[in-house]
């Protein structure tokens, strides 16, 4: 080894420097992933070089790999053009906005998000690593208390929630009225089956009134949902933060009313559905359409 490297000692060899952008040649003994795949992957960003191994990070998805120096070639061009190539290499697209979500935040692997891409496409995208690493996704999650669990890894999220639950409730008190997401009251799976229009692009909310404290330490509180005539028991600090703190009906919200319950009776709980429907049917005006059908206003 000393004889072979005598003419080119390591100290005098050119090496890739941190921040360099390189392409990695695919294994020529294996078939390409698709007919349209190129002979190189990347670009990759160099982290460091150790002898003939270059540790690199894929520019688009952030995965890190050790790559052999003999299969690398330098990317010539701007970082912006390199990013475009890297996105195509991993079949990635530039996320423009995330505007909606569905599923249960406690079961993140089953969640989906309505993603708008820079090329104009819009679609539901399942929870996955490259979406989670996106800055727009992180901002979207941070802006919505209902998605608190998604701000943390699954390994530590329970610690964060437990710490909140240990604190007394300070933001609301008995007598306060708040507007609570119907998804929280019904449960995410039951909500998915209701068939409400624009179910995930508007927040259907119920008017709820806090009734009383549970215990003397103000760690739990009880609320009543007026339109559904149900009690929401034992809410703690985390529940209040996530769903029970909004005291104003915002433009992004759709209030669940008696008329809506008549039109979508599954919104009501099964144990009091018949009673409430009889009551609401007498309160909701009905008109006859031009085809002789009755419709709820």
C-alpha atoms as a PDB file:
ATOM      1  CA  UNK A   1       0.000   0.000   0.000  1.00  0.00           C
ATOM      2  CA  UNK A   2       2.885   2.371   0.785  1.00  0.00           C
ATOM      3  CA  UNK A   3       4.445   1.619  -2.603  1.00  0.00           C
ATOM      4  CA  UNK A   4       1.157   2.243  -4.453  1.00  0.00           C
ATOM      5  CA  UNK A   5       0.497   5.549  -2.690  1.00  0.00           C
ATOM      6  CA  UNK A   6       4.079   6.728  -2.639  1.00  0.00           C
ATOM      7  CA  UNK A   7       3.647   8.927  -5.707  1.00  0.00           C
ATOM      8  CA  UNK A   8       0.319  10.361  -4.504  1.00  0.00           C
ATOM      9  CA  UNK A   9       0.291  10.637  -0.702  1.00  0.00           C
ATOM     10  CA  UNK A  10      -3.086  11.330   0.892  1.00  0.00           C
ATOM     11  CA  UNK A  11      -2.051  14.763   2.102  1.00  0.00           C
ATOM     12  CA  UNK A  12      -1.543  15.968  -1.471  1.00  0.00           C
ATOM     13  CA  UNK A  13      -4.656  14.362  -3.036  1.00  0.00           C
ATOM     14  CA  UNK A  14      -7.627  16.417  -4.133  1.00  0.00           C
ATOM     15  CA  UNK A  15     -10.617  15.644  -1.962  1.00  0.00           C
ATOM     16  CA  UNK A  16     -14.280  16.581  -2.018  1.00  0.00           C
ATOM     17  CA  UNK A  17     -15.024  19.373   0.416  1.00  0.00           C
ATOM     18  CA  UNK A  18     -18.113  19.818   2.648  1.00  0.00           C
ATOM     19  CA  UNK A  19     -20.824  21.519   0.600  1.00  0.00           C
ATOM     20  CA  UNK A  20     -19.676  20.147  -2.769  1.00  0.00           C
ATOM     21  CA  UNK A  21     -22.482  18.700  -4.906  1.00  0.00           C
ATOM     22  CA  UNK A  22     -21.831  15.359  -6.596  1.00  0.00           C
ATOM     23  CA  UNK A  23     -23.575  12.682  -8.641  1.00  0.00           C
ATOM     24  CA  UNK A  24     -23.260   8.988  -7.774  1.00  0.00           C
ATOM     25  CA  UNK A  25     -23.014   6.426 -10.572  1.00  0.00           C
ATOM     26  CA  UNK A  26     -25.499   3.552 -10.265  1.00  0.00           C
ATOM     27  CA  UNK A  27     -24.302  -0.040 -10.105  1.00  0.00           C
ATOM     28  CA  UNK A  28     -23.870  -1.005 -13.777  1.00  0.00           C
ATOM     29  CA  UNK A  29     -24.344  -4.708 -12.966  1.00  0.00           C
ATOM     30  CA  UNK A  30     -27.950  -4.088 -11.906  1.00  0.00           C
ATOM     31  CA  UNK A  31     -30.909  -2.934 -14.027  1.00  0.00           C
ATOM     32  CA  UNK A  32     -32.105   0.637 -13.773  1.00  0.00           C
ATOM     33  CA  UNK A  33     -35.128   1.266 -11.471  1.00  0.00           C
ATOM     34  CA  UNK A  34     -37.157   2.401 -14.516  1.00  0.00           C
ATOM     35  CA  UNK A  35     -36.522   2.785 -18.249  1.00  0.00           C
ATOM     36  CA  UNK A  36     -36.351   6.552 -17.784  1.00  0.00           C
ATOM     37  CA  UNK A  37     -33.890   6.462 -14.871  1.00  0.00           C
ATOM     38  CA  UNK A  38     -30.519   8.064 -15.447  1.00  0.00           C
ATOM     39  CA  UNK A  39     -27.172   6.423 -14.865  1.00  0.00           C
ATOM     40  CA  UNK A  40     -26.465   8.660 -11.864  1.00  0.00           C
ATOM     41  CA  UNK A  41     -28.383   9.543  -8.691  1.00  0.00           C
ATOM     42  CA  UNK A  42     -28.348  12.865  -6.889  1.00  0.00           C
ATOM     43  CA  UNK A  43     -27.059  15.430  -6.642  1.00  0.00           C
ATOM     44  CA  UNK A  44     -25.726  14.638  -3.178  1.00  0.00           C
ATOM     45  CA  UNK A  45     -24.171  17.183  -0.833  1.00  0.00           C
ATOM     46  CA  UNK A  46     -20.783  16.222   0.560  1.00  0.00           C
ATOM     47  CA  UNK A  47     -20.565  16.091   4.347  1.00  0.00           C
ATOM     48  CA  UNK A  48     -16.979  14.862   4.641  1.00  0.00           C
ATOM     49  CA  UNK A  49     -14.497  12.529   2.991  1.00  0.00           C
ATOM     50  CA  UNK A  50     -12.557   9.803   4.785  1.00  0.00           C
ATOM     51  CA  UNK A  51      -9.974   8.203   2.502  1.00  0.00           C
ATOM     52  CA  UNK A  52     -11.966   6.768  -0.446  1.00  0.00           C
ATOM     53  CA  UNK A  53     -15.383   7.057   1.208  1.00  0.00           C
ATOM     54  CA  UNK A  54     -17.397  10.255   0.877  1.00  0.00           C
ATOM     55  CA  UNK A  55     -20.254  10.755   3.301  1.00  0.00           C
ATOM     56  CA  UNK A  56     -23.085  12.523   1.477  1.00  0.00           C
ATOM     57  CA  UNK A  57     -26.645  13.783   2.017  1.00  0.00           C
ATOM     58  CA  UNK A  58     -29.241  13.615  -0.787  1.00  0.00           C
ATOM     59  CA  UNK A  59     -30.183  17.159  -1.667  1.00  0.00           C
ATOM     60  CA  UNK A  60     -33.931  16.512  -1.999  1.00  0.00           C
ATOM     61  CA  UNK A  61     -34.854  14.016   0.727  1.00  0.00           C
ATOM     62  CA  UNK A  62     -31.989  14.396   3.186  1.00  0.00           C
ATOM     63  CA  UNK A  63     -30.964  10.741   3.492  1.00  0.00           C
ATOM     64  CA  UNK A  64     -27.266  10.197   4.246  1.00  0.00           C
ATOM     65  CA  UNK A  65     -25.052   7.526   2.708  1.00  0.00           C
ATOM     66  CA  UNK A  66     -21.337   6.679   2.448  1.00  0.00           C
ATOM     67  CA  UNK A  67     -20.412   6.675  -1.255  1.00  0.00           C
ATOM     68  CA  UNK A  68     -17.192   5.444  -2.850  1.00  0.00           C
ATOM     69  CA  UNK A  69     -15.136   8.189  -4.423  1.00  0.00           C
ATOM     70  CA  UNK A  70     -14.554   6.211  -7.645  1.00  0.00           C
ATOM     71  CA  UNK A  71     -18.262   6.456  -8.542  1.00  0.00           C
ATOM     72  CA  UNK A  72     -18.679  10.196  -7.942  1.00  0.00           C
ATOM     73  CA  UNK A  73     -18.530  13.111 -10.302  1.00  0.00           C
ATOM     74  CA  UNK A  74     -18.855  16.780  -9.502  1.00  0.00           C
ATOM     75  CA  UNK A  75     -22.089  18.650 -10.256  1.00  0.00           C
ATOM     76  CA  UNK A  76     -21.433  21.719 -12.384  1.00  0.00           C
ATOM     77  CA  UNK A  77     -24.114  24.356 -11.986  1.00  0.00           C
ATOM     78  CA  UNK A  78     -26.066  26.329  -9.405  1.00  0.00           C
ATOM     79  CA  UNK A  79     -27.539  24.904  -6.225  1.00  0.00           C
ATOM     80  CA  UNK A  80     -31.030  25.793  -7.520  1.00  0.00           C
ATOM     81  CA  UNK A  81     -30.571  23.664 -10.636  1.00  0.00           C
ATOM     82  CA  UNK A  82     -29.129  20.881  -8.479  1.00  0.00           C
ATOM     83  CA  UNK A  83     -32.244  20.917  -6.305  1.00  0.00           C
ATOM     84  CA  UNK A  84     -34.495  20.598  -9.367  1.00  0.00           C
ATOM     85  CA  UNK A  85     -32.529  17.578 -10.561  1.00  0.00           C
ATOM     86  CA  UNK A  86     -32.541  16.022  -7.076  1.00  0.00           C
ATOM     87  CA  UNK A  87     -36.325  16.439  -6.827  1.00  0.00           C
ATOM     88  CA  UNK A  88     -36.792  14.621 -10.140  1.00  0.00           C
ATOM     89  CA  UNK A  89     -34.309  11.971  -9.054  1.00  0.00           C
ATOM     90  CA  UNK A  90     -36.469  11.042  -6.031  1.00  0.00           C
ATOM     91  CA  UNK A  91     -39.782  11.791  -7.750  1.00  0.00           C
ATOM     92  CA  UNK A  92     -40.367  14.731  -5.410  1.00  0.00           C
ATOM     93  CA  UNK A  93     -42.376  17.877  -6.114  1.00  0.00           C
ATOM     94  CA  UNK A  94     -42.205  21.334  -4.562  1.00  0.00           C
ATOM     95  CA  UNK A  95     -44.938  21.793  -1.950  1.00  0.00           C
ATOM     96  CA  UNK A  96     -46.711  25.127  -2.238  1.00  0.00           C
ATOM     97  CA  UNK A  97     -49.227  24.797   0.599  1.00  0.00           C
ATOM     98  CA  UNK A  98     -51.006  22.340   2.903  1.00  0.00           C
ATOM     99  CA  UNK A  99     -54.598  23.324   3.605  1.00  0.00           C
ATOM    100  CA  UNK A 100     -56.409  20.362   5.195  1.00  0.00           C
ATOM    101  CA  UNK A 101     -55.969  17.081   7.022  1.00  0.00           C
ATOM    102  CA  UNK A 102     -57.954  13.996   7.885  1.00  0.00           C
ATOM    103  CA  UNK A 103     -57.445  11.075  10.212  1.00  0.00           C
ATOM    104  CA  UNK A 104     -56.539  10.786  13.875  1.00  0.00           C
ATOM    105  CA  UNK A 105     -53.407  12.639  15.066  1.00  0.00           C
ATOM    106  CA  UNK A 106     -52.926   9.842  17.598  1.00  0.00           C
ATOM    107  CA  UNK A 107     -52.517   7.440  14.657  1.00  0.00           C
ATOM    108  CA  UNK A 108     -50.205   9.544  12.508  1.00  0.00           C
ATOM    109  CA  UNK A 109     -49.300   6.796  10.056  1.00  0.00           C
ATOM    110  CA  UNK A 110     -52.922   6.724   8.834  1.00  0.00           C
ATOM    111  CA  UNK A 111     -53.293  10.477   8.386  1.00  0.00           C
ATOM    112  CA  UNK A 112     -53.569  12.303   5.068  1.00  0.00           C
ATOM    113  CA  UNK A 113     -52.959  15.917   4.104  1.00  0.00           C
ATOM    114  CA  UNK A 114     -54.324  18.002   1.262  1.00  0.00           C
ATOM    115  CA  UNK A 115     -51.175  19.206  -0.505  1.00  0.00           C
ATOM    116  CA  UNK A 116     -50.921  21.837  -3.216  1.00  0.00           C
ATOM    117  CA  UNK A 117     -47.826  21.510  -5.395  1.00  0.00           C
ATOM    118  CA  UNK A 118     -45.999  24.193  -7.291  1.00  0.00           C
ATOM    119  CA  UNK A 119     -46.981  22.673 -10.633  1.00  0.00           C
ATOM    120  CA  UNK A 120     -50.698  23.125  -9.824  1.00  0.00           C
ATOM    121  CA  UNK A 121     -51.517  19.583  -8.699  1.00  0.00           C
ATOM    122  CA  UNK A 122     -53.601  19.107  -5.540  1.00  0.00           C
ATOM    123  CA  UNK A 123     -54.127  15.762  -3.819  1.00  0.00           C
ATOM    124  CA  UNK A 124     -54.368  13.852  -0.552  1.00  0.00           C
ATOM    125  CA  UNK A 125     -50.904  12.717   0.531  1.00  0.00           C
ATOM    126  CA  UNK A 126     -50.349  10.110   3.222  1.00  0.00           C
ATOM    127  CA  UNK A 127     -48.138  10.806   6.203  1.00  0.00           C
ATOM    128  CA  UNK A 128     -44.573   9.966   5.190  1.00  0.00           C
ATOM    129  CA  UNK A 129     -41.039  10.941   6.021  1.00  0.00           C
ATOM    130  CA  UNK A 130     -40.336  13.303   3.119  1.00  0.00           C
ATOM    131  CA  UNK A 131     -43.579  15.215   3.812  1.00  0.00           C
ATOM    132  CA  UNK A 132     -42.780  15.476   7.529  1.00  0.00           C
ATOM    133  CA  UNK A 133     -39.354  16.943   6.743  1.00  0.00           C
ATOM    134  CA  UNK A 134     -40.951  19.663   4.628  1.00  0.00           C
ATOM    135  CA  UNK A 135     -40.875  23.140   6.184  1.00  0.00           C
ATOM    136  CA  UNK A 136     -44.409  23.956   4.983  1.00  0.00           C
ATOM    137  CA  UNK A 137     -45.728  20.822   6.708  1.00  0.00           C
ATOM    138  CA  UNK A 138     -43.974  21.785   9.933  1.00  0.00           C
ATOM    139  CA  UNK A 139     -45.437  25.302   9.818  1.00  0.00           C
ATOM    140  CA  UNK A 140     -48.912  23.865   9.119  1.00  0.00           C
ATOM    141  CA  UNK A 141     -48.710  21.520  12.104  1.00  0.00           C
ATOM    142  CA  UNK A 142     -47.340  24.232  14.397  1.00  0.00           C
ATOM    143  CA  UNK A 143     -50.233  26.560  13.518  1.00  0.00           C
ATOM    144  CA  UNK A 144     -53.003  24.098  14.485  1.00  0.00           C
ATOM    145  CA  UNK A 145     -53.397  23.032  18.153  1.00  0.00           C
ATOM    146  CA  UNK A 146     -55.427  20.016  17.011  1.00  0.00           C
ATOM    147  CA  UNK A 147     -52.220  18.607  15.484  1.00  0.00           C
ATOM    148  CA  UNK A 148     -50.117  19.064  18.610  1.00  0.00           C
ATOM    149  CA  UNK A 149     -49.009  15.407  18.601  1.00  0.00           C
ATOM    150  CA  UNK A 150     -47.415  15.779  15.178  1.00  0.00           C
ATOM    151  CA  UNK A 151     -44.997  18.431  16.379  1.00  0.00           C
ATOM    152  CA  UNK A 152     -42.957  15.758  18.141  1.00  0.00           C
ATOM    153  CA  UNK A 153     -41.575  12.344  17.320  1.00  0.00           C
ATOM    154  CA  UNK A 154     -43.622   9.364  18.433  1.00  0.00           C
ATOM    155  CA  UNK A 155     -40.886   8.556  20.967  1.00  0.00           C
ATOM    156  CA  UNK A 156     -41.360  11.718  23.049  1.00  0.00           C
ATOM    157  CA  UNK A 157     -44.870  12.949  22.251  1.00  0.00           C
ATOM    158  CA  UNK A 158     -46.375  11.155  25.256  1.00  0.00           C
ATOM    159  CA  UNK A 159     -43.961  12.941  27.578  1.00  0.00           C
ATOM    160  CA  UNK A 160     -45.037  16.304  26.156  1.00  0.00           C
ATOM    161  CA  UNK A 161     -48.730  15.492  26.589  1.00  0.00           C
ATOM    162  CA  UNK A 162     -48.248  14.113  30.100  1.00  0.00           C
ATOM    163  CA  UNK A 163     -46.476  17.301  31.158  1.00  0.00           C
ATOM    164  CA  UNK A 164     -49.425  19.370  29.933  1.00  0.00           C
ATOM    165  CA  UNK A 165     -51.942  17.157  31.711  1.00  0.00           C
ATOM    166  CA  UNK A 166     -50.167  17.742  35.040  1.00  0.00           C
ATOM    167  CA  UNK A 167     -50.791  21.487  34.853  1.00  0.00           C
ATOM    168  CA  UNK A 168     -54.012  23.125  36.120  1.00  0.00           C
ATOM    169  CA  UNK A 169     -56.425  24.621  33.593  1.00  0.00           C
ATOM    170  CA  UNK A 170     -55.917  28.385  33.404  1.00  0.00           C
ATOM    171  CA  UNK A 171     -57.434  29.511  30.094  1.00  0.00           C
ATOM    172  CA  UNK A 172     -61.112  28.670  30.679  1.00  0.00           C
ATOM    173  CA  UNK A 173     -63.541  28.435  33.593  1.00  0.00           C
ATOM    174  CA  UNK A 174     -67.156  27.363  34.232  1.00  0.00           C
ATOM    175  CA  UNK A 175     -69.524  29.709  32.416  1.00  0.00           C
ATOM    176  CA  UNK A 176     -67.230  30.208  29.406  1.00  0.00           C
ATOM    177  CA  UNK A 177     -68.551  29.350  25.946  1.00  0.00           C
ATOM    178  CA  UNK A 178     -66.208  27.804  23.393  1.00  0.00           C
ATOM    179  CA  UNK A 179     -66.503  26.372  19.885  1.00  0.00           C
ATOM    180  CA  UNK A 180     -65.288  22.781  19.723  1.00  0.00           C
ATOM    181  CA  UNK A 181     -64.350  20.818  16.601  1.00  0.00           C
ATOM    182  CA  UNK A 182     -67.024  18.220  15.862  1.00  0.00           C
ATOM    183  CA  UNK A 183     -64.229  15.742  15.115  1.00  0.00           C
ATOM    184  CA  UNK A 184     -63.220  15.811  18.757  1.00  0.00           C
ATOM    185  CA  UNK A 185     -66.745  15.337  20.080  1.00  0.00           C
ATOM    186  CA  UNK A 186     -67.747  12.557  17.674  1.00  0.00           C
ATOM    187  CA  UNK A 187     -64.369  10.901  17.288  1.00  0.00           C
ATOM    188  CA  UNK A 188     -62.351  10.913  14.074  1.00  0.00           C
ATOM    189  CA  UNK A 189     -63.640   7.621  12.673  1.00  0.00           C
ATOM    190  CA  UNK A 190     -67.292   8.518  13.304  1.00  0.00           C
ATOM    191  CA  UNK A 191     -66.753  11.962  11.781  1.00  0.00           C
ATOM    192  CA  UNK A 192     -65.377  10.428   8.584  1.00  0.00           C
ATOM    193  CA  UNK A 193     -68.663   8.567   8.099  1.00  0.00           C
ATOM    194  CA  UNK A 194     -70.973  11.588   8.458  1.00  0.00           C
ATOM    195  CA  UNK A 195     -70.633  12.698   4.825  1.00  0.00           C
ATOM    196  CA  UNK A 196     -70.676  16.418   5.593  1.00  0.00           C
ATOM    197  CA  UNK A 197     -69.939  18.765   2.668  1.00  0.00           C
ATOM    198  CA  UNK A 198     -66.355  20.059   2.601  1.00  0.00           C
ATOM    199  CA  UNK A 199     -65.818  17.964   5.719  1.00  0.00           C
ATOM    200  CA  UNK A 200     -62.070  18.605   5.838  1.00  0.00           C
ATOM    201  CA  UNK A 201     -61.883  22.077   4.334  1.00  0.00           C
ATOM    202  CA  UNK A 202     -64.019  23.792   6.951  1.00  0.00           C
ATOM    203  CA  UNK A 203     -64.062  23.186  10.694  1.00  0.00           C
ATOM    204  CA  UNK A 204     -67.502  22.076  11.839  1.00  0.00           C
ATOM    205  CA  UNK A 205     -67.850  23.261  15.430  1.00  0.00           C
ATOM    206  CA  UNK A 206     -70.377  22.856  18.212  1.00  0.00           C
ATOM    207  CA  UNK A 207     -71.108  25.536  20.776  1.00  0.00           C
ATOM    208  CA  UNK A 208     -70.136  24.195  24.197  1.00  0.00           C
ATOM    209  CA  UNK A 209     -70.449  25.693  27.652  1.00  0.00           C
ATOM    210  CA  UNK A 210     -68.180  24.839  30.549  1.00  0.00           C
ATOM    211  CA  UNK A 211     -70.323  23.614  33.422  1.00  0.00           C
ATOM    212  CA  UNK A 212     -68.163  22.808  36.448  1.00  0.00           C
ATOM    213  CA  UNK A 213     -64.742  21.868  37.722  1.00  0.00           C
ATOM    214  CA  UNK A 214     -64.004  18.209  38.433  1.00  0.00           C
ATOM    215  CA  UNK A 215     -62.156  18.204  41.746  1.00  0.00           C
ATOM    216  CA  UNK A 216     -60.654  21.108  43.644  1.00  0.00           C
ATOM    217  CA  UNK A 217     -57.321  21.425  41.883  1.00  0.00           C
ATOM    218  CA  UNK A 218     -58.753  22.709  38.563  1.00  0.00           C
ATOM    219  CA  UNK A 219     -56.998  19.960  36.645  1.00  0.00           C
ATOM    220  CA  UNK A 220     -60.216  18.772  35.003  1.00  0.00           C
ATOM    221  CA  UNK A 221     -63.391  20.436  33.811  1.00  0.00           C
ATOM    222  CA  UNK A 222     -66.746  19.385  32.381  1.00  0.00           C
ATOM    223  CA  UNK A 223     -68.400  20.936  29.338  1.00  0.00           C
ATOM    224  CA  UNK A 224     -71.813  20.519  27.729  1.00  0.00           C
ATOM    225  CA  UNK A 225     -72.364  20.469  23.986  1.00  0.00           C
ATOM    226  CA  UNK A 226     -75.653  22.310  23.578  1.00  0.00           C
ATOM    227  CA  UNK A 227     -76.815  21.209  20.137  1.00  0.00           C
ATOM    228  CA  UNK A 228     -75.932  17.527  20.700  1.00  0.00           C
ATOM    229  CA  UNK A 229     -77.097  17.600  24.336  1.00  0.00           C
ATOM    230  CA  UNK A 230     -74.083  15.624  25.553  1.00  0.00           C
ATOM    231  CA  UNK A 231     -71.617  16.137  28.393  1.00  0.00           C
ATOM    232  CA  UNK A 232     -67.899  16.236  27.679  1.00  0.00           C
ATOM    233  CA  UNK A 233     -66.421  14.959  30.917  1.00  0.00           C
ATOM    234  CA  UNK A 234     -62.978  15.151  32.457  1.00  0.00           C
ATOM    235  CA  UNK A 235     -61.293  17.503  30.015  1.00  0.00           C
ATOM    236  CA  UNK A 236     -57.774  18.303  31.185  1.00  0.00           C
ATOM    237  CA  UNK A 237     -55.289  20.989  30.198  1.00  0.00           C
ATOM    238  CA  UNK A 238     -54.272  19.159  27.052  1.00  0.00           C
ATOM    239  CA  UNK A 239     -57.901  18.674  25.917  1.00  0.00           C
ATOM    240  CA  UNK A 240     -58.678  22.331  26.544  1.00  0.00           C
ATOM    241  CA  UNK A 241     -55.595  23.474  24.645  1.00  0.00           C
ATOM    242  CA  UNK A 242     -56.176  21.165  21.708  1.00  0.00           C
ATOM    243  CA  UNK A 243     -59.914  21.670  21.161  1.00  0.00           C
ATOM    244  CA  UNK A 244     -61.576  23.681  23.900  1.00  0.00           C
ATOM    245  CA  UNK A 245     -60.042  27.164  23.971  1.00  0.00           C
ATOM    246  CA  UNK A 246     -61.586  28.998  20.991  1.00  0.00           C
ATOM    247  CA  UNK A 247     -64.106  31.512  22.354  1.00  0.00           C
ATOM    248  CA  UNK A 248     -65.003  33.099  18.996  1.00  0.00           C
ATOM    249  CA  UNK A 249     -66.750  31.728  15.924  1.00  0.00           C
ATOM    250  CA  UNK A 250     -64.108  32.258  13.228  1.00  0.00           C
ATOM    251  CA  UNK A 251     -64.711  32.634   9.462  1.00  0.00           C
ATOM    252  CA  UNK A 252     -63.025  29.265   8.907  1.00  0.00           C
ATOM    253  CA  UNK A 253     -65.664  27.556  11.071  1.00  0.00           C
ATOM    254  CA  UNK A 254     -69.128  26.192  10.274  1.00  0.00           C
ATOM    255  CA  UNK A 255     -71.471  26.095  13.249  1.00  0.00           C
ATOM    256  CA  UNK A 256     -73.442  22.876  13.764  1.00  0.00           C
ATOM    257  CA  UNK A 257     -77.086  23.943  14.083  1.00  0.00           C
ATOM    258  CA  UNK A 258     -80.424  22.251  14.709  1.00  0.00           C
ATOM    259  CA  UNK A 259     -81.167  22.397  10.976  1.00  0.00           C
ATOM    260  CA  UNK A 260     -77.892  20.650  10.199  1.00  0.00           C
ATOM    261  CA  UNK A 261     -78.725  17.910  12.702  1.00  0.00           C
ATOM    262  CA  UNK A 262     -82.072  17.368  10.984  1.00  0.00           C
ATOM    263  CA  UNK A 263     -80.366  17.070   7.618  1.00  0.00           C
ATOM    264  CA  UNK A 264     -77.518  14.896   8.913  1.00  0.00           C
ATOM    265  CA  UNK A 265     -79.066  13.002  11.850  1.00  0.00           C
ATOM    266  CA  UNK A 266     -75.972  10.876  12.397  1.00  0.00           C
ATOM    267  CA  UNK A 267     -74.370  13.957  13.945  1.00  0.00           C
ATOM    268  CA  UNK A 268     -76.562  13.306  16.983  1.00  0.00           C
ATOM    269  CA  UNK A 269     -75.715  10.624  19.499  1.00  0.00           C
ATOM    270  CA  UNK A 270     -77.776   7.454  19.169  1.00  0.00           C
ATOM    271  CA  UNK A 271     -79.125   7.549  22.745  1.00  0.00           C
ATOM    272  CA  UNK A 272     -80.924  10.888  22.311  1.00  0.00           C
ATOM    273  CA  UNK A 273     -81.251  11.142  18.526  1.00  0.00           C
ATOM    274  CA  UNK A 274     -85.001  10.503  18.294  1.00  0.00           C
ATOM    275  CA  UNK A 275     -85.831  12.961  21.066  1.00  0.00           C
ATOM    276  CA  UNK A 276     -83.702  15.751  19.597  1.00  0.00           C
ATOM    277  CA  UNK A 277     -84.969  15.173  16.051  1.00  0.00           C
ATOM    278  CA  UNK A 278     -88.570  15.519  17.239  1.00  0.00           C
ATOM    279  CA  UNK A 279     -87.636  18.759  18.967  1.00  0.00           C
ATOM    280  CA  UNK A 280     -85.569  20.177  16.110  1.00  0.00           C
ATOM    281  CA  UNK A 281     -88.130  19.252  13.445  1.00  0.00           C
ATOM    282  CA  UNK A 282     -90.629  21.564  15.139  1.00  0.00           C
ATOM    283  CA  UNK A 283     -88.072  24.394  15.221  1.00  0.00           C
ATOM    284  CA  UNK A 284     -86.648  24.137  11.690  1.00  0.00           C
ATOM    285  CA  UNK A 285     -88.730  25.720   8.883  1.00  0.00           C
ATOM    286  CA  UNK A 286     -89.496  23.489   5.911  1.00  0.00           C
ATOM    287  CA  UNK A 287     -90.389  24.676   2.398  1.00  0.00           C
ATOM    288  CA  UNK A 288     -91.749  22.841  -0.619  1.00  0.00           C
ATOM    289  CA  UNK A 289     -89.501  22.863  -3.685  1.00  0.00           C
ATOM    290  CA  UNK A 290     -90.693  23.271  -7.253  1.00  0.00           C
ATOM    291  CA  UNK A 291     -90.697  19.488  -7.672  1.00  0.00           C
ATOM    292  CA  UNK A 292     -93.013  19.021  -4.712  1.00  0.00           C
ATOM    293  CA  UNK A 293     -90.238  17.841  -2.370  1.00  0.00           C
ATOM    294  CA  UNK A 294     -89.757  19.184   1.118  1.00  0.00           C
ATOM    295  CA  UNK A 295     -86.419  20.706   2.032  1.00  0.00           C
ATOM    296  CA  UNK A 296     -84.959  22.041   5.282  1.00  0.00           C
ATOM    297  CA  UNK A 297     -83.965  25.672   5.137  1.00  0.00           C
END
